[in-house]
Amino acid sequence: MAISLAALLGVQSLQLVKSGLAETTWHQDIQWVAVTEQEDPQRFLNGGELVLTTGMRLKSAPEQRRFVRQVQRAGAVGIGFGVGLTHEAVPPALIAEANRWGLPVVEVPYETPFIAITKLVADAQSADHYAKLERLIAGHQILARALLTGGGLTELLKNLGSMLRTDIVLTQFTAQLYNSVPGNPAPTADTWASYPIPTGRRDACTLWVRQPFEDTGIVGYAQNLISVELNNMVKQRQAQRALSGQVLEDVIHGTLEASEASRRLAGIGVNSTRKNVVLLAESAAHPKQLVSSSMPRPLEHGVTAVVGKDLVVVVTDDGSGASALARSLSDHLAEAGIHATIGIGGAYTKPNGLRWSYFEARDAASHGLPVNEPERLSLTSLLLASEDVPLADMANESLNPLRNFDALHGAELMTTLESYLNNNGSVAAVAEALTLHRNTVRYRLAQITELTGYDPAQTQDRVQLWLALAVQRLNHRQQR
């Protein structure tokens, strides 16, 4: 271990004698030994040294006092004054000045070579360094073993906190992946030291260590291990979400019997006998980052899955907490630099209820707000959500003749059709709304029938045209 001036005085073979009264740095570790005969050695010192001199150039009292001041300003722990050469005893002026500045002085007898003191301090430093290195290697083994034996991040960070004898917190964006403090309070920069964890994305993860603590190098090694484990967790998360996504897609498409759907949902952690809510996040700008993102703490126990290009989270909830959960997800993704819209589904039991909640969440997400509350799901939006029904193509096929005619002739057949359907087929109401003559409205309706093949006056055809217009509106809203 490193040795202090007090300990050095206790080494009988050196025969050192304390001079003066100062003991300010008496028990401070000696970092190195500097032998000098300079009148002003300050620029050659880094602090923490024991300065050894025979005072060869310190003939006068002013020179001796100046020497003490220079050594003290450099941050040395003390002066070892060799006697028997230039001086038979430590000069009184030097002792007095050292007492004034609180700098310890020891007398080194002629029989004790300076090299003996230097070697003793160097050996102590070497032993201290070796002991620290042994502790560091042992710490490396403990942290690595925590991961290799399946303890994961929790066990690794628990061991790290024990080594540093302080509290540890690991955060990723708004989520706390680990917190050793009861109540999980957020760390603050004034009392915690922060260390970035490299994960491939700048500032994605931060290790917080409560001050004070002594870092012998173990924190740097822990940073690397945490980085490796986080990347492994991302791969595991992606694989798990892909598997859960396959189950959810089968349930959503209705290809499973109710009992089989319940069994497979239970296999991925969804209890379909309880009320569940679907949160759906979509991001056109960051789809890859979205589906591999971590979850905020309130959603840690939810089941996450990738369905298409969307991130789906299934949480057990009666609907009362869904909005808060969606906002926490939105904030978490925003903190991660992921621009996404969140749709909330209703709370339902059974596999069919999960399907309905998914379609509601998907429809809500199309509204484009950061967080979108569920609305009553229409048959139109449900049909549009099904990839097996080419409803959008069918709508375009019905309405394109009217769009083309309006573009060529400046007509308003599309406007007339929408007004007619919104006014429940009342020619008089359309004429009043569009300030047209009733015969003009009838003429336009006849043109619509001729161009599309659908007669708005007939219920079956009216439904076809209304459905086409509804699909068109939904498409425009999704594109925005």
Protein backbone atom coordinates (compact mmCIF):
# COMPACT_ATOMS: atom_id res chain seq x y z
CA MET A 1 0.00 0.00 0.00
CA ALA A 2 1.06 3.63 -0.49
CA ILE A 3 3.06 4.96 2.46
CA SER A 4 2.67 8.22 4.40
CA LEU A 5 5.30 10.41 6.01
CA ALA A 6 4.17 9.21 9.45
CA ALA A 7 4.61 5.58 8.37
CA LEU A 8 7.98 6.37 6.83
CA LEU A 9 9.13 7.82 10.13
CA GLY A 10 8.28 4.50 11.75
CA VAL A 11 10.74 2.55 9.59
CA GLN A 12 13.60 2.00 12.05
CA SER A 13 16.27 1.35 9.41
CA LEU A 14 15.88 4.85 7.96
CA GLN A 15 16.52 6.56 11.31
CA LEU A 16 14.40 9.57 10.33
CA VAL A 17 13.67 12.22 12.95
CA LYS A 18 10.71 14.59 12.98
CA SER A 19 11.64 18.29 12.88
CA GLY A 20 9.20 21.06 13.59
CA LEU A 21 5.57 20.87 14.67
CA ALA A 22 3.61 20.77 11.37
CA GLU A 23 1.49 17.65 10.72
CA THR A 24 -1.00 18.88 8.10
CA THR A 25 -0.02 16.24 5.52
CA TRP A 26 1.56 13.87 8.03
CA HIS A 27 -0.76 10.97 7.15
CA GLN A 28 -1.22 11.77 3.44
CA ASP A 29 0.05 9.16 0.97
CA ILE A 30 3.37 10.00 -0.65
CA GLN A 31 2.91 9.88 -4.43
CA TRP A 32 6.60 10.06 -5.29
CA VAL A 33 10.02 11.17 -4.04
CA ALA A 34 11.76 14.17 -5.61
CA VAL A 35 15.45 14.79 -4.91
CA THR A 36 16.49 18.36 -5.64
CA GLU A 37 19.13 20.95 -4.89
CA GLN A 38 17.30 23.69 -6.77
CA GLU A 39 16.60 26.96 -4.99
CA ASP A 40 13.15 27.02 -6.68
CA PRO A 41 11.98 23.45 -7.40
CA GLN A 42 8.29 24.36 -7.80
CA ARG A 43 8.13 23.96 -11.59
CA PHE A 44 9.55 20.42 -11.31
CA LEU A 45 6.89 19.19 -8.88
CA ASN A 46 3.38 17.84 -9.59
CA GLY A 47 2.08 17.61 -6.03
CA GLY A 48 2.09 14.81 -3.48
CA GLU A 49 5.88 14.40 -3.44
CA LEU A 50 8.29 14.07 -0.53
CA VAL A 51 11.04 16.55 -1.41
CA LEU A 52 14.55 15.45 -0.38
CA THR A 53 17.40 17.98 -0.26
CA THR A 54 20.75 18.57 1.46
CA GLY A 55 20.26 22.35 1.25
CA MET A 56 23.44 22.77 -0.77
CA ARG A 57 22.24 26.09 -2.20
CA LEU A 58 20.23 27.15 0.80
CA LYS A 59 22.93 29.09 2.62
CA SER A 60 20.91 31.99 4.04
CA ALA A 61 17.72 32.14 6.06
CA PRO A 62 15.80 34.03 3.28
CA GLU A 63 16.78 31.31 0.79
CA GLN A 64 15.65 28.59 3.19
CA ARG A 65 12.28 30.25 3.84
CA ARG A 66 11.74 30.83 0.09
CA PHE A 67 12.47 27.15 -0.58
CA VAL A 68 9.81 26.07 1.92
CA ARG A 69 7.20 28.35 0.33
CA GLN A 70 7.95 27.05 -3.17
CA VAL A 71 7.64 23.42 -2.03
CA GLN A 72 4.43 24.09 -0.16
CA ARG A 73 2.84 25.89 -3.15
CA ALA A 74 3.69 22.92 -5.37
CA GLY A 75 1.57 20.68 -3.15
CA ALA A 76 4.35 18.50 -1.68
CA VAL A 77 3.54 16.44 1.41
CA GLY A 78 6.77 17.28 3.21
CA ILE A 79 10.50 17.93 3.18
CA GLY A 80 13.24 15.45 4.02
CA PHE A 81 16.37 17.41 4.89
CA GLY A 82 19.66 15.51 4.67
CA VAL A 83 22.19 16.55 7.33
CA GLY A 84 25.91 15.91 7.65
CA LEU A 85 26.97 17.49 4.35
CA THR A 86 26.21 21.19 3.88
CA HIS A 87 24.30 21.49 7.15
CA GLU A 88 24.91 19.64 10.42
CA ALA A 89 21.26 20.12 11.43
CA VAL A 90 18.02 21.26 9.85
CA PRO A 91 18.23 25.10 9.68
CA PRO A 92 15.97 26.82 12.26
CA ALA A 93 14.69 29.31 9.63
CA LEU A 94 13.52 26.41 7.42
CA ILE A 95 11.75 24.74 10.36
CA ALA A 96 10.07 27.97 11.40
CA GLU A 97 8.80 28.66 7.87
CA ALA A 98 7.57 25.07 7.53
CA ASN A 99 5.67 25.38 10.82
CA ARG A 100 4.12 28.57 9.54
CA TRP A 101 2.79 26.90 6.38
CA GLY A 102 1.92 23.57 8.02
CA LEU A 103 4.49 21.60 6.01
CA PRO A 104 6.03 18.60 7.85
CA VAL A 105 9.86 18.30 7.91
CA VAL A 106 11.95 15.22 8.75
CA GLU A 107 15.68 15.07 9.34
CA VAL A 108 17.51 12.47 7.23
CA PRO A 109 20.79 11.36 8.86
CA TYR A 110 24.00 11.19 6.86
CA GLU A 111 23.99 7.37 7.11
CA THR A 112 20.64 7.10 5.26
CA PRO A 113 20.97 7.49 1.49
CA PHE A 114 18.14 9.23 -0.33
CA ILE A 115 17.85 6.18 -2.64
CA ALA A 116 16.76 4.04 0.32
CA ILE A 117 13.78 6.35 0.94
CA THR A 118 13.01 6.51 -2.78
CA LYS A 119 13.05 2.71 -3.09
CA LEU A 120 10.82 2.23 -0.07
CA VAL A 121 8.21 4.66 -1.44
CA ALA A 122 8.45 3.10 -4.92
CA ASP A 123 7.97 -0.41 -3.49
CA ALA A 124 4.93 0.79 -1.57
CA GLN A 125 3.50 2.37 -4.71
CA SER A 126 4.15 -0.81 -6.69
CA ALA A 127 2.49 -2.97 -4.06
CA ASP A 128 -0.49 -0.62 -3.98
CA HIS A 129 -0.80 -0.69 -7.76
CA TYR A 130 -0.54 -4.47 -7.80
CA ALA A 131 -3.23 -4.79 -5.12
CA LYS A 132 -5.54 -2.47 -7.06
CA LEU A 133 -4.90 -4.44 -10.23
CA GLU A 134 -5.75 -7.68 -8.46
CA ARG A 135 -8.98 -6.16 -7.14
CA LEU A 136 -9.82 -4.85 -10.60
CA ILE A 137 -9.28 -8.26 -12.24
CA ALA A 138 -11.38 -9.90 -9.52
CA GLY A 139 -14.08 -7.29 -10.14
CA HIS A 140 -13.97 -7.99 -13.88
CA GLN A 141 -14.50 -11.68 -13.19
CA ILE A 142 -17.44 -11.03 -10.86
CA LEU A 143 -19.21 -8.76 -13.37
CA ALA A 144 -18.58 -11.06 -16.32
CA ARG A 145 -19.77 -14.07 -14.30
CA ALA A 146 -23.02 -12.22 -13.51
CA LEU A 147 -23.82 -12.13 -17.23
CA LEU A 148 -22.46 -15.55 -18.17
CA THR A 149 -24.47 -17.32 -15.46
CA GLY A 150 -27.73 -15.73 -16.59
CA GLY A 151 -28.03 -13.02 -13.95
CA GLY A 152 -28.33 -10.36 -16.63
CA LEU A 153 -28.14 -6.62 -16.14
CA THR A 154 -29.78 -6.74 -12.71
CA GLU A 155 -27.14 -9.02 -11.20
CA LEU A 156 -24.31 -7.17 -12.93
CA LEU A 157 -25.42 -3.78 -11.62
CA LYS A 158 -26.11 -5.16 -8.16
CA ASN A 159 -22.51 -6.41 -7.99
CA LEU A 160 -21.21 -3.11 -9.37
CA GLY A 161 -23.04 -1.20 -6.62
CA SER A 162 -21.54 -3.51 -3.99
CA MET A 163 -18.01 -2.94 -5.34
CA LEU A 164 -18.41 0.83 -5.40
CA ARG A 165 -20.42 0.84 -2.15
CA THR A 166 -23.01 3.20 -3.58
CA ASP A 167 -26.32 3.30 -5.47
CA ILE A 168 -26.62 2.51 -9.18
CA VAL A 169 -29.25 3.54 -11.76
CA LEU A 170 -29.37 2.58 -15.43
CA THR A 171 -31.62 4.63 -17.71
CA GLN A 172 -32.50 4.37 -21.37
CA PHE A 173 -34.31 7.46 -22.63
CA THR A 174 -37.28 7.81 -20.23
CA ALA A 175 -37.08 4.21 -18.98
CA GLN A 176 -35.23 3.05 -15.87
CA LEU A 177 -33.74 -0.35 -16.62
CA TYR A 178 -32.38 -0.67 -13.08
CA ASN A 179 -32.54 1.35 -9.87
CA SER A 180 -31.06 0.27 -6.53
CA VAL A 181 -32.77 3.10 -4.62
CA PRO A 182 -36.13 2.28 -2.97
CA GLY A 183 -38.94 4.12 -4.74
CA ASN A 184 -36.93 4.38 -7.98
CA PRO A 185 -36.26 8.15 -7.83
CA ALA A 186 -34.69 9.77 -10.89
CA PRO A 187 -30.96 10.55 -10.50
CA THR A 188 -29.81 14.17 -10.67
CA ALA A 189 -26.57 15.56 -12.06
CA ASP A 190 -25.62 17.36 -8.85
CA THR A 191 -25.28 14.20 -6.73
CA TRP A 192 -24.77 11.50 -9.36
CA ALA A 193 -21.96 10.83 -11.85
CA SER A 194 -23.18 9.85 -15.32
CA TYR A 195 -21.49 7.54 -17.82
CA PRO A 196 -22.80 7.07 -21.39
CA ILE A 197 -23.26 3.49 -22.55
CA PRO A 198 -22.39 2.91 -26.24
CA THR A 199 -25.35 1.23 -27.94
CA GLY A 200 -24.97 2.49 -31.50
CA ARG A 201 -27.18 5.52 -30.82
CA ARG A 202 -25.88 8.67 -29.12
CA ASP A 203 -26.87 9.01 -25.47
CA ALA A 204 -29.21 6.04 -25.78
CA CYS A 205 -28.32 4.71 -22.34
CA THR A 206 -26.74 6.21 -19.23
CA LEU A 207 -25.19 4.61 -16.16
CA TRP A 208 -25.65 6.75 -13.03
CA VAL A 209 -23.46 6.28 -9.93
CA ARG A 210 -24.27 8.14 -6.72
CA GLN A 211 -21.39 10.20 -5.39
CA PRO A 212 -19.10 9.86 -3.50
CA PHE A 213 -17.46 6.65 -4.62
CA GLU A 214 -14.00 5.46 -5.58
CA ASP A 215 -13.64 4.30 -9.17
CA THR A 216 -10.62 2.05 -9.61
CA GLY A 217 -11.40 1.44 -13.29
CA ILE A 218 -14.27 -0.99 -12.77
CA VAL A 219 -16.87 1.49 -14.10
CA GLY A 220 -15.21 1.57 -17.52
CA TYR A 221 -15.30 -2.22 -17.73
CA ALA A 222 -18.93 -2.23 -16.58
CA GLN A 223 -19.80 0.22 -19.37
CA ASN A 224 -18.54 -2.23 -21.98
CA LEU A 225 -20.37 -5.19 -20.43
CA ILE A 226 -23.62 -3.23 -20.19
CA SER A 227 -23.27 -2.24 -23.86
CA VAL A 228 -22.85 -5.88 -24.90
CA GLU A 229 -25.82 -6.97 -22.81
CA LEU A 230 -28.06 -4.19 -24.12
CA ASN A 231 -27.31 -5.17 -27.71
CA ASN A 232 -28.10 -8.78 -26.83
CA MET A 233 -31.37 -7.61 -25.28
CA VAL A 234 -32.27 -5.76 -28.50
CA LYS A 235 -31.77 -8.96 -30.52
CA GLN A 236 -33.81 -10.97 -28.03
CA ARG A 237 -36.51 -8.29 -28.06
CA GLN A 238 -36.69 -8.34 -31.86
CA ALA A 239 -36.97 -12.14 -31.93
CA GLN A 240 -39.65 -12.17 -29.23
CA ARG A 241 -41.66 -9.43 -30.93
CA ALA A 242 -41.50 -11.26 -34.25
CA LEU A 243 -42.86 -14.42 -32.59
CA SER A 244 -45.60 -12.53 -30.74
CA GLY A 245 -46.43 -10.72 -33.97
CA GLN A 246 -47.10 -13.99 -35.77
CA VAL A 247 -49.58 -15.01 -33.07
CA LEU A 248 -51.33 -11.64 -33.09
CA GLU A 249 -51.58 -11.62 -36.89
CA ASP A 250 -53.29 -15.04 -36.82
CA VAL A 251 -55.71 -13.77 -34.16
CA ILE A 252 -56.34 -10.51 -36.03
CA HIS A 253 -57.08 -12.31 -39.31
CA GLY A 254 -59.47 -14.65 -37.51
CA THR A 255 -57.78 -17.82 -38.77
CA LEU A 256 -57.86 -19.55 -35.35
CA GLU A 257 -60.61 -21.19 -33.37
CA ALA A 258 -61.42 -19.36 -30.13
CA SER A 259 -59.85 -22.03 -27.90
CA GLU A 260 -56.70 -22.23 -30.04
CA ALA A 261 -56.43 -18.44 -30.16
CA SER A 262 -56.71 -18.25 -26.35
CA ARG A 263 -54.06 -20.94 -25.95
CA ARG A 264 -51.61 -19.24 -28.32
CA LEU A 265 -52.21 -15.83 -26.77
CA ALA A 266 -51.46 -17.31 -23.35
CA GLY A 267 -48.21 -18.64 -24.80
CA ILE A 268 -46.99 -15.10 -25.46
CA GLY A 269 -48.26 -13.75 -22.13
CA VAL A 270 -51.74 -12.43 -23.05
CA ASN A 271 -54.56 -13.54 -20.76
CA SER A 272 -57.62 -13.26 -23.00
CA THR A 273 -60.04 -13.90 -20.12
CA ARG A 274 -59.22 -10.43 -18.76
CA LYS A 275 -59.80 -7.07 -20.41
CA ASN A 276 -56.92 -6.08 -22.66
CA VAL A 277 -56.14 -2.87 -24.51
CA VAL A 278 -54.09 -2.61 -27.70
CA LEU A 279 -51.74 0.33 -28.18
CA LEU A 280 -50.48 0.66 -31.75
CA ALA A 281 -47.50 2.83 -32.69
CA GLU A 282 -46.67 3.62 -36.30
CA SER A 283 -43.78 5.65 -37.69
CA ALA A 284 -43.16 6.29 -41.36
CA ALA A 285 -39.91 8.10 -40.56
CA HIS A 286 -38.32 5.60 -38.15
CA PRO A 287 -39.88 2.15 -38.68
CA LYS A 288 -36.76 0.11 -37.83
CA GLN A 289 -36.00 2.03 -34.65
CA LEU A 290 -39.65 1.84 -33.62
CA VAL A 291 -40.01 -1.93 -33.66
CA SER A 292 -36.79 -2.49 -31.66
CA SER A 293 -37.29 0.32 -29.13
CA SER A 294 -37.33 -0.34 -25.40
CA MET A 295 -40.48 0.28 -23.38
CA PRO A 296 -41.10 2.87 -20.64
CA ARG A 297 -41.47 1.53 -17.10
CA PRO A 298 -45.33 1.60 -17.05
CA LEU A 299 -45.37 -0.74 -20.07
CA GLU A 300 -42.61 -3.11 -18.96
CA HIS A 301 -45.12 -5.89 -18.26
CA GLY A 302 -47.06 -5.43 -21.49
CA VAL A 303 -46.73 -7.86 -24.40
CA THR A 304 -45.00 -6.21 -27.36
CA ALA A 305 -45.16 -7.45 -30.93
CA VAL A 306 -44.40 -6.36 -34.47
CA VAL A 307 -47.44 -6.50 -36.75
CA GLY A 308 -46.54 -5.40 -40.27
CA LYS A 309 -44.42 -2.29 -39.74
CA ASP A 310 -46.18 -1.30 -36.53
CA LEU A 311 -45.29 -1.81 -32.89
CA VAL A 312 -48.20 -3.28 -30.95
CA VAL A 313 -48.40 -3.36 -27.15
CA VAL A 314 -51.07 -5.43 -25.40
CA VAL A 315 -51.71 -4.40 -21.80
CA THR A 316 -54.16 -5.73 -19.26
CA ASP A 317 -56.36 -2.71 -18.51
CA ASP A 318 -60.03 -1.87 -18.15
CA GLY A 319 -59.57 1.21 -20.32
CA SER A 320 -59.18 3.70 -17.49
CA GLY A 321 -55.39 3.78 -17.67
CA ALA A 322 -54.96 3.39 -21.43
CA SER A 323 -54.52 7.10 -22.16
CA ALA A 324 -51.77 7.52 -19.56
CA LEU A 325 -49.99 4.41 -20.86
CA ALA A 326 -50.19 5.71 -24.42
CA ARG A 327 -48.76 9.08 -23.38
CA SER A 328 -45.87 7.40 -21.57
CA LEU A 329 -45.13 5.41 -24.74
CA SER A 330 -45.33 8.54 -26.89
CA ASP A 331 -42.99 10.47 -24.56
CA HIS A 332 -40.55 7.56 -24.45
CA LEU A 333 -40.40 7.27 -28.24
CA ALA A 334 -40.04 11.03 -28.63
CA GLU A 335 -37.14 11.01 -26.17
CA ALA A 336 -35.57 8.29 -28.31
CA GLY A 337 -35.86 10.50 -31.39
CA ILE A 338 -38.63 8.38 -32.92
CA HIS A 339 -41.52 10.33 -34.43
CA ALA A 340 -44.56 8.09 -34.02
CA THR A 341 -48.32 8.27 -33.68
CA ILE A 342 -50.04 6.15 -31.05
CA GLY A 343 -53.52 4.69 -31.47
CA ILE A 344 -55.51 3.39 -28.50
CA GLY A 345 -57.97 0.51 -28.77
CA GLY A 346 -60.88 -0.31 -26.50
CA ALA A 347 -60.76 -2.70 -23.53
CA TYR A 348 -62.23 -6.13 -24.32
CA THR A 349 -61.99 -9.75 -23.24
CA LYS A 350 -61.52 -12.83 -25.45
CA PRO A 351 -59.53 -13.14 -28.70
CA ASN A 352 -62.25 -11.46 -30.77
CA GLY A 353 -62.14 -8.53 -28.38
CA LEU A 354 -58.39 -8.28 -28.95
CA ARG A 355 -59.03 -8.19 -32.71
CA TRP A 356 -61.55 -5.40 -32.26
CA SER A 357 -59.18 -3.44 -30.02
CA TYR A 358 -56.43 -3.79 -32.63
CA PHE A 359 -58.61 -2.41 -35.43
CA GLU A 360 -59.77 0.44 -33.22
CA ALA A 361 -56.16 1.30 -32.35
CA ARG A 362 -55.16 1.14 -36.01
CA ASP A 363 -58.04 3.36 -37.01
CA ALA A 364 -57.26 5.82 -34.19
CA ALA A 365 -53.56 6.01 -35.18
CA SER A 366 -54.59 7.15 -38.66
CA HIS A 367 -55.83 10.44 -37.13
CA GLY A 368 -52.19 11.55 -36.97
CA LEU A 369 -51.95 13.03 -33.46
CA PRO A 370 -49.14 11.94 -31.11
CA VAL A 371 -51.76 10.11 -29.00
CA ASN A 372 -55.17 9.22 -30.46
CA GLU A 373 -58.16 8.12 -28.39
CA PRO A 374 -60.36 5.27 -29.70
CA GLU A 375 -63.58 6.00 -31.56
CA ARG A 376 -66.51 3.82 -32.47
CA LEU A 377 -65.17 1.62 -35.25
CA SER A 378 -67.13 1.77 -38.49
CA LEU A 379 -67.66 -1.12 -40.86
CA THR A 380 -65.94 0.96 -43.52
CA SER A 381 -62.71 1.38 -41.57
CA LEU A 382 -62.78 -2.28 -40.55
CA LEU A 383 -63.10 -3.36 -44.19
CA LEU A 384 -60.36 -0.94 -45.19
CA ALA A 385 -58.08 -2.37 -42.49
CA SER A 386 -58.36 -5.84 -44.03
CA GLU A 387 -55.62 -6.51 -46.52
CA ASP A 388 -57.73 -9.28 -48.05
CA VAL A 389 -60.42 -6.86 -49.29
CA PRO A 390 -59.32 -4.55 -52.18
CA LEU A 391 -61.80 -1.95 -51.04
CA ALA A 392 -59.67 1.05 -51.99
CA ASP A 393 -59.31 -0.22 -55.57
CA MET A 394 -63.04 -0.84 -55.79
CA ALA A 395 -63.74 2.68 -54.51
CA ASN A 396 -61.43 4.22 -57.11
CA GLU A 397 -63.04 2.18 -59.84
CA SER A 398 -66.46 3.57 -58.85
CA LEU A 399 -65.45 7.22 -58.45
CA ASN A 400 -62.71 7.77 -61.05
CA PRO A 401 -65.22 8.32 -63.91
CA LEU A 402 -66.76 11.17 -61.93
CA ARG A 403 -63.38 12.70 -61.04
CA ASN A 404 -62.24 12.56 -64.67
CA PHE A 405 -65.47 14.13 -65.93
CA ASP A 406 -65.24 16.94 -63.37
CA ALA A 407 -61.63 17.59 -64.36
CA LEU A 408 -62.45 17.80 -68.09
CA HIS A 409 -65.69 19.76 -67.95
CA GLY A 410 -65.45 21.71 -64.71
CA ALA A 411 -68.54 19.93 -63.47
CA GLU A 412 -69.33 19.22 -59.84
CA LEU A 413 -70.63 15.68 -59.97
CA MET A 414 -68.52 14.54 -56.97
CA THR A 415 -69.81 17.46 -54.89
CA THR A 416 -73.37 16.76 -55.96
CA LEU A 417 -73.05 13.05 -55.10
CA GLU A 418 -71.66 13.77 -51.62
CA SER A 419 -74.41 16.28 -50.92
CA TYR A 420 -77.08 13.87 -52.17
CA LEU A 421 -75.86 11.06 -49.91
CA ASN A 422 -75.39 13.36 -46.90
CA ASN A 423 -78.94 14.67 -47.34
CA ASN A 424 -80.46 11.18 -47.45
CA GLY A 425 -81.37 11.34 -51.13
CA SER A 426 -83.38 14.60 -50.95
CA VAL A 427 -83.18 16.49 -54.25
CA ALA A 428 -84.69 19.57 -52.65
CA ALA A 429 -82.11 19.60 -49.86
CA VAL A 430 -79.24 19.25 -52.38
CA ALA A 431 -80.63 22.07 -54.53
CA GLU A 432 -80.83 24.34 -51.50
CA ALA A 433 -77.37 23.38 -50.22
CA LEU A 434 -75.69 23.92 -53.59
CA THR A 435 -78.00 26.79 -54.72
CA LEU A 436 -79.07 24.84 -57.82
CA HIS A 437 -82.37 24.27 -59.56
CA ARG A 438 -83.92 20.90 -58.75
CA ASN A 439 -83.86 19.90 -62.41
CA THR A 440 -80.10 20.62 -62.47
CA VAL A 441 -79.65 18.25 -59.54
CA ARG A 442 -81.74 15.56 -61.29
CA TYR A 443 -79.67 16.04 -64.46
CA ARG A 444 -76.43 15.60 -62.56
CA LEU A 445 -77.72 12.49 -60.82
CA ALA A 446 -78.57 11.04 -64.23
CA GLN A 447 -75.00 11.79 -65.37
CA ILE A 448 -73.63 10.03 -62.28
CA THR A 449 -75.72 6.97 -63.07
CA GLU A 450 -74.56 6.97 -66.70
CA LEU A 451 -70.85 7.39 -65.85
CA THR A 452 -70.58 4.97 -62.91
CA GLY A 453 -73.31 2.45 -63.63
CA TYR A 454 -74.69 3.04 -60.12
CA ASP A 455 -78.05 4.78 -59.58
CA PRO A 456 -77.97 6.86 -56.36
CA ALA A 457 -81.73 6.54 -56.10
CA GLN A 458 -81.43 2.75 -55.64
CA THR A 459 -80.55 1.57 -52.10
CA GLN A 460 -78.04 -1.07 -53.21
CA ASP A 461 -76.23 1.35 -55.54
CA ARG A 462 -76.43 4.16 -53.00
CA VAL A 463 -74.61 1.96 -50.44
CA GLN A 464 -71.89 1.21 -53.00
CA LEU A 465 -71.33 4.91 -53.73
CA TRP A 466 -71.49 5.91 -50.04
CA LEU A 467 -68.96 3.21 -49.17
CA ALA A 468 -66.64 4.38 -51.96
CA LEU A 469 -66.76 7.96 -50.68
CA ALA A 470 -66.14 6.80 -47.08
CA VAL A 471 -63.10 4.77 -48.17
CA GLN A 472 -61.82 7.80 -50.07
CA ARG A 473 -62.07 9.96 -46.94
CA LEU A 474 -60.26 7.36 -44.84
CA ASN A 475 -57.49 7.07 -47.40
CA HIS A 476 -56.97 10.84 -47.48
CA ARG A 477 -56.83 10.92 -43.66
CA GLN A 478 -54.26 8.11 -43.52
CA GLN A 479 -52.10 9.78 -46.16
CA ARG A 480 -51.98 12.98 -44.10
